[in-house]
Protein backbone atom coordinates (compact mmCIF):
# COMPACT_ATOMS: atom_id res chain seq x y z
CA UNK A 1 63.03 -40.97 -14.41
CA UNK A 2 59.57 -42.25 -13.15
CA UNK A 3 56.72 -42.70 -15.71
CA UNK A 4 53.28 -40.68 -15.27
CA UNK A 5 51.91 -44.05 -14.71
CA UNK A 6 53.91 -44.79 -11.98
CA UNK A 7 53.76 -41.50 -10.38
CA UNK A 8 49.94 -41.56 -10.41
CA UNK A 9 50.18 -45.03 -8.72
CA UNK A 10 52.19 -43.58 -6.00
CA UNK A 11 50.04 -40.97 -5.51
CA UNK A 12 46.81 -42.90 -5.53
CA UNK A 13 48.40 -45.32 -2.97
CA UNK A 14 49.66 -42.65 -0.75
CA UNK A 15 45.90 -40.84 -0.53
CA UNK A 16 44.53 -44.54 0.08
CA UNK A 17 46.99 -44.87 2.98
CA UNK A 18 45.94 -41.60 4.07
CA UNK A 19 42.09 -41.82 4.06
CA UNK A 20 42.64 -45.50 5.34
CA UNK A 21 44.28 -44.26 8.48
CA UNK A 22 41.85 -41.31 8.88
CA UNK A 23 38.74 -43.63 8.86
CA UNK A 24 40.46 -45.91 11.41
CA UNK A 25 41.12 -42.65 13.59
CA UNK A 26 37.57 -41.34 13.27
CA UNK A 27 36.09 -44.94 13.92
CA UNK A 28 38.38 -44.97 16.97
CA UNK A 29 37.42 -41.89 18.39
CA UNK A 30 33.44 -42.52 17.75
CA UNK A 31 33.74 -45.85 19.49
CA UNK A 32 35.75 -44.29 22.23
CA UNK A 33 33.17 -41.55 22.58
CA UNK A 34 30.15 -43.69 22.38
CA UNK A 35 31.44 -46.74 24.01
CA UNK A 36 30.98 -48.82 20.90
CA UNK A 37 32.18 -52.48 20.81
CA UNK A 38 35.59 -52.38 19.30
CA UNK A 39 34.35 -54.97 16.63
CA UNK A 40 31.72 -52.33 15.19
CA UNK A 41 31.47 -52.10 11.43
CA UNK A 42 32.89 -49.56 9.51
CA UNK A 43 29.72 -49.03 7.60
CA UNK A 44 28.21 -47.36 10.65
CA UNK A 45 30.82 -44.50 10.71
CA UNK A 46 29.43 -40.83 10.38
CA UNK A 47 31.61 -37.75 9.54
CA UNK A 48 30.90 -34.36 10.58
CA UNK A 49 30.71 -31.73 7.98
CA UNK A 50 34.18 -30.40 9.38
CA UNK A 51 35.84 -33.99 9.36
CA UNK A 52 34.70 -34.65 5.79
CA UNK A 53 36.19 -31.38 4.84
CA UNK A 54 39.49 -32.07 6.70
CA UNK A 55 39.82 -35.38 4.87
CA UNK A 56 39.21 -34.10 1.45
CA UNK A 57 41.25 -30.81 2.22
CA UNK A 58 38.21 -28.83 1.31
CA UNK A 59 36.24 -26.11 2.95
CA UNK A 60 33.07 -26.96 4.99
CA UNK A 61 31.25 -24.92 2.76
CA UNK A 62 32.39 -27.10 -0.10
CA UNK A 63 31.19 -30.11 1.80
CA UNK A 64 27.70 -28.33 2.43
CA UNK A 65 27.36 -27.72 -1.22
CA UNK A 66 27.94 -31.43 -1.84
CA UNK A 67 25.27 -32.52 0.84
CA UNK A 68 22.94 -29.81 -0.58
CA UNK A 69 23.34 -31.22 -4.24
CA UNK A 70 23.00 -34.76 -3.05
CA UNK A 71 26.29 -36.06 -3.92
CA UNK A 72 26.64 -36.78 -0.19
CA UNK A 73 24.04 -38.67 1.90
CA UNK A 74 23.51 -37.51 5.55
CA UNK A 75 21.93 -38.56 8.99
CA UNK A 76 20.48 -35.87 10.58
CA UNK A 77 20.53 -35.99 14.41
CA UNK A 78 18.72 -33.08 15.87
CA UNK A 79 20.54 -30.05 14.26
CA UNK A 80 23.82 -32.30 13.35
CA UNK A 81 24.42 -33.34 9.76
CA UNK A 82 26.48 -36.37 9.60
CA UNK A 83 27.82 -37.57 6.57
CA UNK A 84 27.55 -41.45 5.83
CA UNK A 85 30.78 -43.34 5.23
CA UNK A 86 29.37 -44.90 2.44
CA UNK A 87 28.52 -41.83 0.39
CA UNK A 88 32.30 -40.45 1.27
CA UNK A 89 33.94 -43.30 -0.15
CA UNK A 90 31.43 -43.19 -3.07
CA UNK A 91 32.37 -39.82 -3.76
CA UNK A 92 36.20 -40.05 -3.44
CA UNK A 93 35.87 -43.32 -5.60
CA UNK A 94 34.27 -41.00 -8.51
CA UNK A 95 37.19 -38.60 -8.02
CA UNK A 96 39.69 -41.41 -8.75
CA UNK A 97 40.52 -41.88 -4.84
CA UNK A 98 39.84 -45.12 -2.95
CA UNK A 99 39.90 -45.12 0.73
């Protein structure tokens, strides 16, 4: 039988892999959509509220509440609200998850 620490580490590792894959996928789609060079920094990644909600498995309304409370930093482009990767990573780290 696995210890609690081993199980917790396996869960964290799995979550880390999933978030890393998701960020890579978002980065690739944004680069393709904006014709960005493939060497673009991950720091430039912006997530929509829907993308962030999907990655965290929460509702868009929850993401909007986190934005409103200041727990997620955003960039506003016209009427769009895009979440910065740095603030998303910081939020997930505060919850014990590292992408």
